[in-house]
N, C-alpha and C. Protein backbone atom coordinates (compact mmCIF):
# COMPACT_ATOMS: atom_id res chain seq x y z
N MET A 1 3.57 -1.66 -13.95
CA MET A 1 4.95 -1.30 -14.11
C MET A 1 5.16 -0.03 -13.24
N ALA A 2 6.11 0.18 -12.66
CA ALA A 2 6.23 1.43 -11.55
C ALA A 2 6.89 2.46 -12.38
N PHE A 3 6.55 3.64 -11.93
CA PHE A 3 7.33 4.58 -12.34
C PHE A 3 7.37 5.72 -11.36
N PRO A 4 7.84 6.84 -11.56
CA PRO A 4 8.08 7.86 -10.55
C PRO A 4 6.81 8.69 -10.30
N ILE A 5 6.59 9.43 -9.37
CA ILE A 5 5.72 10.47 -9.51
C ILE A 5 5.76 11.42 -8.41
N GLU A 6 5.32 12.74 -9.08
CA GLU A 6 5.19 13.79 -8.51
C GLU A 6 4.81 14.06 -7.10
N GLU A 7 5.57 14.57 -6.17
CA GLU A 7 5.05 14.65 -4.68
C GLU A 7 3.51 15.14 -4.28
N LYS A 8 3.43 16.24 -5.47
CA LYS A 8 2.03 17.09 -5.53
C LYS A 8 1.02 15.93 -5.24
N TYR A 9 1.29 15.02 -6.09
CA TYR A 9 -0.01 13.75 -6.25
C TYR A 9 -0.02 13.26 -4.96
N ILE A 10 0.71 12.90 -3.77
CA ILE A 10 1.10 12.43 -2.96
C ILE A 10 0.38 13.45 -1.73
N LEU A 11 0.43 14.67 -1.89
CA LEU A 11 0.22 15.45 -1.05
C LEU A 11 -1.66 15.75 -1.16
N GLU A 12 -1.93 15.42 -2.20
CA GLU A 12 -3.24 15.87 -2.69
C GLU A 12 -3.86 14.38 -2.10
N VAL A 13 -3.27 13.08 -2.11
CA VAL A 13 -4.13 12.16 -1.26
C VAL A 13 -4.06 12.29 0.13
N GLN A 14 -2.89 12.73 0.76
CA GLN A 14 -2.95 12.98 2.07
C GLN A 14 -3.93 13.87 2.41
N SER A 15 -4.11 15.22 1.48
CA SER A 15 -5.45 16.15 2.02
C SER A 15 -6.59 15.17 1.76
N GLU A 16 -6.54 14.64 1.00
CA GLU A 16 -8.02 13.92 0.56
C GLU A 16 -8.52 12.98 1.59
N MET A 17 -7.72 11.86 2.08
CA MET A 17 -7.70 11.32 2.75
C MET A 17 -7.60 11.88 4.55
N ASN A 18 -7.15 12.75 4.61
CA ASN A 18 -6.64 13.43 6.05
C ASN A 18 -5.78 12.65 6.76
N VAL A 19 -4.77 12.03 6.13
CA VAL A 19 -3.67 10.87 6.49
C VAL A 19 -2.15 11.70 6.24
N VAL A 20 -1.20 11.37 7.16
CA VAL A 20 0.09 11.61 6.57
C VAL A 20 0.93 10.58 6.44
N PHE A 21 1.26 10.15 5.40
CA PHE A 21 2.09 8.62 5.04
C PHE A 21 3.41 8.88 5.70
N PRO A 22 4.04 7.53 6.02
CA PRO A 22 5.27 7.52 6.61
C PRO A 22 6.18 8.16 5.52
N LEU A 23 7.06 8.68 5.94
CA LEU A 23 8.28 9.22 5.12
C LEU A 23 8.85 7.71 4.24
N ALA A 24 9.29 7.03 4.82
CA ALA A 24 10.08 6.04 4.14
C ALA A 24 8.94 5.56 2.90
N PHE A 25 7.78 5.32 3.01
CA PHE A 25 6.68 5.00 2.17
C PHE A 25 6.73 5.74 0.91
N LYS A 26 6.67 7.24 1.40
CA LYS A 26 6.67 8.07 0.26
C LYS A 26 8.04 8.19 -0.55
N LYS A 27 9.05 7.98 0.39
CA LYS A 27 10.23 7.93 -0.73
C LYS A 27 10.43 6.87 -1.74
N ARG A 28 9.74 5.73 -1.42
CA ARG A 28 9.94 4.93 -2.24
C ARG A 28 8.75 5.06 -3.16
N MET A 29 7.64 5.51 -3.04
CA MET A 29 6.45 5.55 -3.84
C MET A 29 6.77 6.74 -4.86
N LEU A 30 7.77 7.74 -4.30
CA LEU A 30 8.39 9.09 -5.31
C LEU A 30 8.77 8.13 -6.50
N LYS A 31 9.97 6.96 -6.19
CA LYS A 31 10.75 6.90 -7.09
C LYS A 31 10.18 5.31 -7.90
N LEU A 32 9.11 4.95 -7.57
CA LEU A 32 8.39 3.70 -7.97
C LEU A 32 7.14 3.91 -7.63
N ASN A 33 6.17 3.93 -8.21
CA ASN A 33 4.74 4.50 -7.53
C ASN A 33 3.86 3.19 -7.64
N GLY A 34 3.72 2.30 -7.13
CA GLY A 34 3.52 1.37 -7.29
C GLY A 34 4.32 -0.19 -7.69
N GLY A 35 3.73 -0.95 -8.15
CA GLY A 35 4.63 -2.01 -8.35
C GLY A 35 4.02 -3.41 -8.17
N GLU A 36 4.48 -4.40 -8.40
CA GLU A 36 4.68 -5.81 -8.12
C GLU A 36 5.82 -6.84 -7.49
N SER A 37 5.54 -7.49 -7.29
CA SER A 37 6.45 -8.46 -6.53
C SER A 37 5.51 -10.05 -6.51
N ILE A 38 6.75 -11.15 -6.84
CA ILE A 38 5.97 -12.39 -6.63
C ILE A 38 6.69 -13.40 -5.90
N ILE A 39 6.23 -14.25 -5.25
CA ILE A 39 6.68 -14.76 -4.12
C ILE A 39 6.12 -16.35 -4.51
N MET A 40 6.88 -17.36 -4.93
CA MET A 40 6.35 -18.61 -5.06
C MET A 40 4.95 -18.48 -5.79
N LYS A 41 5.15 -17.97 -6.89
CA LYS A 41 3.93 -17.67 -8.09
C LYS A 41 2.98 -16.87 -7.61
N GLN A 42 2.77 -16.33 -6.21
CA GLN A 42 1.77 -15.51 -6.21
C GLN A 42 2.26 -14.03 -6.13
N GLU A 43 1.53 -13.34 -6.71
CA GLU A 43 1.92 -12.07 -6.98
C GLU A 43 1.25 -10.59 -6.05
N PHE A 44 2.06 -9.99 -5.79
CA PHE A 44 1.58 -8.90 -4.73
C PHE A 44 1.59 -7.53 -5.58
N GLU A 45 0.98 -6.62 -5.11
CA GLU A 45 0.78 -5.53 -5.75
C GLU A 45 0.72 -4.31 -4.88
N LEU A 46 1.76 -3.16 -5.00
CA LEU A 46 1.27 -1.96 -4.23
C LEU A 46 0.55 -1.22 -5.35
N TYR A 47 -0.77 -0.42 -4.10
CA TYR A 47 -1.15 0.43 -5.07
C TYR A 47 -0.37 1.96 -5.26
N PRO A 48 -0.93 2.13 -6.22
CA PRO A 48 0.05 3.45 -6.44
C PRO A 48 -1.12 4.83 -6.31
N PHE A 49 -0.13 6.18 -6.04
CA PHE A 49 -1.06 7.30 -5.87
C PHE A 49 -1.37 7.71 -7.42
N PHE A 50 -2.42 8.01 -7.43
CA PHE A 50 -2.98 8.70 -8.49
C PHE A 50 -2.60 9.49 -9.38
N ASP A 51 -2.22 9.58 -10.65
CA ASP A 51 -1.12 10.64 -11.12
C ASP A 51 -2.06 10.79 -12.21
N LYS A 52 -2.24 12.38 -12.11
CA LYS A 52 -3.10 12.99 -13.16
C LYS A 52 -2.30 13.90 -14.34
N SER A 53 -0.64 13.09 -14.24
CA SER A 53 -0.11 13.89 -15.51
C SER A 53 -0.46 13.92 -16.43
N ASP A 54 -0.55 12.98 -17.24
CA ASP A 54 -1.28 12.56 -18.76
C ASP A 54 -2.13 11.48 -18.59
N ASN A 55 -2.64 11.41 -19.78
CA ASN A 55 -3.69 10.54 -19.98
C ASN A 55 -3.09 9.03 -19.65
N LYS A 56 -1.69 8.37 -20.36
CA LYS A 56 -1.30 7.16 -19.61
C LYS A 56 -1.18 6.80 -18.40
N ARG A 57 -0.37 7.95 -17.61
CA ARG A 57 -0.57 7.50 -16.27
C ARG A 57 -1.98 7.84 -15.58
N ILE A 58 -2.67 8.47 -15.82
CA ILE A 58 -4.09 8.45 -14.96
C ILE A 58 -4.61 6.64 -15.40
N ARG A 59 -4.72 6.11 -16.47
CA ARG A 59 -4.85 4.89 -16.86
C ARG A 59 -3.99 4.17 -15.88
N ARG A 60 -2.97 3.97 -15.87
CA ARG A 60 -2.10 3.34 -15.13
C ARG A 60 -1.86 3.08 -13.95
N THR A 61 -2.79 4.58 -13.14
CA THR A 61 -2.99 4.55 -11.43
C THR A 61 -4.33 4.61 -11.16
N CYS A 62 -5.32 4.40 -12.18
CA CYS A 62 -6.52 3.94 -11.95
C CYS A 62 -7.39 3.47 -10.56
N ASN A 63 -6.19 2.50 -10.13
CA ASN A 63 -6.60 1.53 -9.23
C ASN A 63 -5.59 2.56 -7.76
N HIS A 64 -5.76 3.40 -7.60
CA HIS A 64 -5.09 4.23 -6.61
C HIS A 64 -5.33 3.82 -5.14
N ILE A 65 -4.46 4.24 -4.53
CA ILE A 65 -4.71 4.08 -2.94
C ILE A 65 -5.96 4.66 -2.43
N ALA A 66 -6.53 5.74 -2.60
CA ALA A 66 -7.43 6.20 -1.91
C ALA A 66 -8.90 5.58 -2.65
N LEU A 67 -8.89 4.94 -4.01
CA LEU A 67 -10.27 4.19 -4.56
C LEU A 67 -9.95 2.87 -3.77
N GLU A 68 -9.13 2.38 -3.67
CA GLU A 68 -8.78 0.82 -3.22
C GLU A 68 -9.19 1.06 -1.54
N THR A 69 -8.68 1.71 -1.06
CA THR A 69 -9.31 1.85 0.36
C THR A 69 -10.52 2.12 0.71
N LYS A 70 -11.36 3.07 -0.51
CA LYS A 70 -12.62 3.29 -0.31
C LYS A 70 -13.48 1.92 -0.67
N ASN A 71 -13.08 1.20 -1.41
CA ASN A 71 -13.48 0.10 -1.92
C ASN A 71 -13.46 -1.15 -0.69
N ALA A 72 -12.04 -0.82 -0.03
CA ALA A 72 -12.08 -1.97 1.11
C ALA A 72 -12.68 -1.75 2.11
N ARG A 73 -13.09 -0.56 2.16
CA ARG A 73 -13.89 0.14 3.77
C ARG A 73 -15.12 -0.20 3.69
N GLU A 74 -16.04 -0.67 2.40
CA GLU A 74 -17.08 -1.37 2.36
C GLU A 74 -17.29 -2.90 2.56
N CYS A 75 -15.78 -3.26 3.41
CA CYS A 75 -15.75 -5.02 3.97
C CYS A 75 -16.04 -5.00 4.94
N THR A 76 -16.61 -5.67 5.77
CA THR A 76 -16.65 -6.01 6.97
C THR A 76 -15.53 -6.22 7.81
N GLY A 77 -15.78 -5.12 8.92
CA GLY A 77 -13.86 -5.36 9.65
C GLY A 77 -12.97 -4.52 9.49
N PHE A 78 -12.78 -3.63 7.86
CA PHE A 78 -12.01 -2.77 7.57
C PHE A 78 -12.05 -1.45 7.97
N SER A 79 -10.98 -1.07 9.33
CA SER A 79 -11.04 0.06 10.00
C SER A 79 -11.32 1.03 9.12
N LYS A 80 -11.67 2.57 9.70
CA LYS A 80 -11.56 3.61 9.46
C LYS A 80 -10.55 4.23 9.35
N ASN A 81 -9.73 3.68 10.06
CA ASN A 81 -8.29 4.33 10.59
C ASN A 81 -7.17 3.30 9.75
N THR A 82 -7.79 2.51 8.55
CA THR A 82 -6.93 1.51 8.04
C THR A 82 -6.65 2.30 6.45
N ILE A 83 -5.40 2.23 6.16
CA ILE A 83 -5.16 2.84 4.48
C ILE A 83 -4.75 1.41 3.67
N ALA A 84 -5.47 1.21 2.61
CA ALA A 84 -5.08 -0.10 2.03
C ALA A 84 -3.94 0.66 0.89
N ILE A 85 -2.42 -0.38 1.02
CA ILE A 85 -1.74 0.34 -0.02
C ILE A 85 -1.17 -0.85 -0.86
N GLY A 86 -2.12 -1.93 -0.70
CA GLY A 86 -1.63 -3.15 -1.81
C GLY A 86 -2.48 -4.41 -1.61
N ALA A 87 -2.45 -4.97 -2.25
CA ALA A 87 -3.40 -6.51 -2.16
C ALA A 87 -2.23 -7.80 -2.99
N ASP A 88 -2.64 -8.92 -2.60
CA ASP A 88 -2.26 -10.05 -3.30
C ASP A 88 -3.18 -10.63 -4.13
N GLY A 89 -4.01 -10.30 -4.35
CA GLY A 89 -4.99 -10.86 -5.58
C GLY A 89 -6.07 -11.42 -4.90
N SER A 90 -6.42 -11.84 -3.71
CA SER A 90 -7.50 -13.05 -3.17
C SER A 90 -8.61 -12.09 -2.13
N GLY A 91 -7.90 -10.44 -2.21
CA GLY A 91 -9.00 -10.07 -1.40
C GLY A 91 -8.37 -9.53 -0.29
N ASN A 92 -7.52 -10.02 -0.07
CA ASN A 92 -6.26 -9.43 1.33
C ASN A 92 -5.51 -8.39 0.72
N GLN A 93 -5.61 -7.50 2.06
CA GLN A 93 -4.76 -6.13 1.62
C GLN A 93 -3.65 -5.83 2.63
N ILE A 94 -2.90 -5.51 2.14
CA ILE A 94 -1.55 -4.67 2.55
C ILE A 94 -1.91 -3.24 3.18
N ILE A 95 -1.64 -3.18 4.50
CA ILE A 95 -2.55 -1.73 5.31
C ILE A 95 -1.43 -0.93 5.99
N LEU A 96 -1.53 0.38 5.82
CA LEU A 96 -0.94 1.16 7.18
C LEU A 96 -2.12 1.72 8.17
N LEU A 97 -1.88 1.92 9.34
CA LEU A 97 -2.99 2.14 10.23
C LEU A 97 -2.59 3.40 10.91
N HIS A 98 -3.33 4.12 11.57
CA HIS A 98 -3.24 5.07 12.67
C HIS A 98 -4.16 5.08 13.63
N ASP A 99 -3.95 5.75 14.68
CA ASP A 99 -4.55 5.87 15.96
C ASP A 99 -5.71 6.84 15.97
N GLY A 100 -6.03 7.51 14.62
CA GLY A 100 -7.04 8.29 14.90
C GLY A 100 -6.91 9.79 14.43
N ASP A 101 -5.23 9.63 14.75
CA ASP A 101 -4.86 11.18 14.54
C ASP A 101 -4.54 11.46 12.84
N GLY A 102 -4.68 10.66 12.32
CA GLY A 102 -4.20 10.50 10.47
C GLY A 102 -2.59 10.34 10.35
N ILE A 103 -2.04 9.91 11.35
CA ILE A 103 -0.30 10.05 11.13
C ILE A 103 -0.37 8.41 11.18
N LEU A 104 -0.23 7.82 9.62
CA LEU A 104 0.23 6.75 9.59
C LEU A 104 1.68 6.20 10.18
N LYS A 105 1.63 4.89 10.63
CA LYS A 105 2.24 4.49 11.41
C LYS A 105 3.61 3.71 10.49
N ASP A 106 4.72 4.12 10.98
CA ASP A 106 5.77 3.12 9.91
C ASP A 106 5.86 1.87 9.98
N GLU A 107 4.81 1.06 10.10
CA GLU A 107 4.40 -0.49 10.01
C GLU A 107 3.68 -0.58 8.72
N ILE A 108 3.98 -1.66 8.01
CA ILE A 108 3.01 -2.29 7.18
C ILE A 108 2.51 -3.55 7.81
N TYR A 109 0.76 -3.62 7.53
CA TYR A 109 0.06 -4.82 8.16
C TYR A 109 -0.34 -5.52 7.14
N PHE A 110 -0.52 -6.73 7.35
CA PHE A 110 -1.72 -7.64 6.31
C PHE A 110 -3.18 -7.61 7.18
N TRP A 111 -4.25 -7.43 6.16
CA TRP A 111 -5.12 -7.65 6.38
C TRP A 111 -5.82 -8.76 5.98
N ASN A 112 -6.51 -9.66 6.72
CA ASN A 112 -6.93 -10.80 6.11
C ASN A 112 -8.73 -11.10 5.89
N HIS A 113 -8.97 -10.79 4.55
CA HIS A 113 -10.22 -10.40 4.40
C HIS A 113 -11.17 -11.37 4.69
N GLU A 114 -10.88 -12.86 4.94
CA GLU A 114 -11.61 -13.66 5.19
C GLU A 114 -11.93 -13.65 7.07
N LEU A 115 -10.91 -13.74 7.68
CA LEU A 115 -10.64 -13.60 9.20
C LEU A 115 -11.06 -12.44 9.94
N GLY A 116 -10.66 -11.54 9.10
CA GLY A 116 -10.65 -9.94 9.39
C GLY A 116 -9.52 -9.73 10.55
N ASP A 117 -8.54 -10.63 10.58
CA ASP A 117 -7.52 -10.39 11.52
C ASP A 117 -6.20 -9.34 10.95
N ILE A 118 -5.36 -8.45 11.61
CA ILE A 118 -4.22 -7.97 11.22
C ILE A 118 -3.02 -8.32 11.55
N LYS A 119 -2.05 -8.61 11.09
CA LYS A 119 -0.96 -8.97 11.62
C LYS A 119 0.21 -8.27 10.93
N MET A 120 1.33 -7.40 11.71
CA MET A 120 2.32 -6.54 11.51
C MET A 120 3.30 -7.66 10.55
N LEU A 121 3.80 -7.10 9.27
CA LEU A 121 4.74 -7.64 8.77
C LEU A 121 5.99 -7.38 8.67
N ALA A 122 5.83 -5.60 8.36
CA ALA A 122 7.60 -5.10 8.49
C ALA A 122 7.20 -3.43 8.84
N LYS A 123 8.68 -2.98 8.86
CA LYS A 123 8.52 -1.46 8.96
C LYS A 123 8.51 -1.00 7.26
N THR A 124 7.89 0.06 7.40
CA THR A 124 7.95 0.70 5.96
C THR A 124 9.42 0.95 5.10
N HIS A 125 10.18 1.15 5.92
CA HIS A 125 11.66 1.46 5.45
C HIS A 125 11.98 -0.09 4.31
N ILE A 126 11.37 -1.23 4.66
CA ILE A 126 11.45 -2.64 4.12
C ILE A 126 11.21 -2.02 2.17
N LEU A 127 10.18 -1.12 2.03
CA LEU A 127 10.06 -0.90 0.48
C LEU A 127 10.96 -0.43 -0.13
N SER A 128 11.88 0.18 0.59
CA SER A 128 13.20 0.93 0.08
C SER A 128 13.57 0.45 -1.44
N THR A 129 13.67 1.49 -2.40
CA THR A 129 13.88 1.00 -3.69
C THR A 129 15.65 0.37 -3.98
N GLU A 130 16.09 0.45 -2.99
CA GLU A 130 17.46 0.26 -2.71
C GLU A 130 17.43 -1.20 -2.08
N ASN A 131 16.50 -1.90 -1.42
CA ASN A 131 16.07 -3.07 -0.68
C ASN A 131 15.77 -4.14 -1.91
N THR A 132 16.69 -4.90 -2.27
CA THR A 132 16.58 -6.16 -3.42
C THR A 132 16.14 -7.69 -2.87
N ASP A 133 16.64 -7.35 -1.78
CA ASP A 133 16.19 -8.69 -1.53
C ASP A 133 14.74 -9.25 -0.89
N ASN A 134 13.66 -8.39 -1.43
CA ASN A 134 12.19 -8.65 -1.44
C ASN A 134 11.82 -9.08 0.04
N SER A 135 12.41 -8.68 1.31
CA SER A 135 12.61 -9.24 2.45
C SER A 135 11.05 -9.00 2.96
N ILE A 136 10.25 -7.75 2.50
CA ILE A 136 8.75 -7.96 2.60
C ILE A 136 7.88 -8.74 2.50
N TRP A 137 8.07 -9.69 1.26
CA TRP A 137 7.27 -10.44 0.58
C TRP A 137 7.84 -11.82 1.28
N GLN A 138 8.90 -11.96 1.75
CA GLN A 138 9.41 -13.08 2.49
C GLN A 138 8.69 -13.08 3.81
N ARG A 139 8.84 -11.96 4.20
CA ARG A 139 7.73 -11.89 5.93
C ARG A 139 6.43 -12.14 5.79
N ILE A 140 5.78 -11.53 4.45
CA ILE A 140 4.45 -11.79 4.37
C ILE A 140 4.41 -13.65 4.07
N LYS A 141 4.97 -14.16 3.48
CA LYS A 141 5.37 -15.62 3.03
C LYS A 141 5.15 -16.37 4.44
N ALA A 142 6.20 -15.75 5.30
CA ALA A 142 6.28 -16.59 6.56
C ALA A 142 4.96 -16.46 7.51
N ILE A 143 4.79 -15.59 7.57
CA ILE A 143 3.48 -14.77 8.31
C ILE A 143 2.43 -15.91 7.99
N LEU A 144 1.93 -16.06 6.70
CA LEU A 144 0.72 -16.71 6.20
C LEU A 144 1.09 -18.00 5.88
N LYS A 145 2.12 -18.59 6.08
CA LYS A 145 2.44 -20.12 5.96
C LYS A 145 2.13 -20.15 4.14
N ILE A 146 2.61 -19.50 3.40
CA ILE A 146 2.11 -19.76 2.05
C ILE A 146 3.81 -20.22 1.31
């Protein structure tokens, strides 16, 4: 279940990871920190920012972006310029990238853990809470032919 988060927790992660998240992504996560989507019976999960405001939120956000990125970097082919923001439940990651400067691009990519290849999916504005057509997941489906 996704819920709002205070901006200070996003700023903490940016500081810890030495990155700046795209504005559209931050706006979406402020309203809905994490969340799920289902396409043709396949679930995709956006990782939350770690929310330390109370014990309930700590438990709900223990699979946070910083931890999941750290875990993904242990995989061969996962770049240090890559931030994991979600997964499909099969080891593949939805990611943001930067060019070494820490400023994450305004594009969402799909990283295939078996092949190690990366494909652009959409701009981060597609994650807007006002966008109800689920188009990012439709684009993932089309690219992956699932």
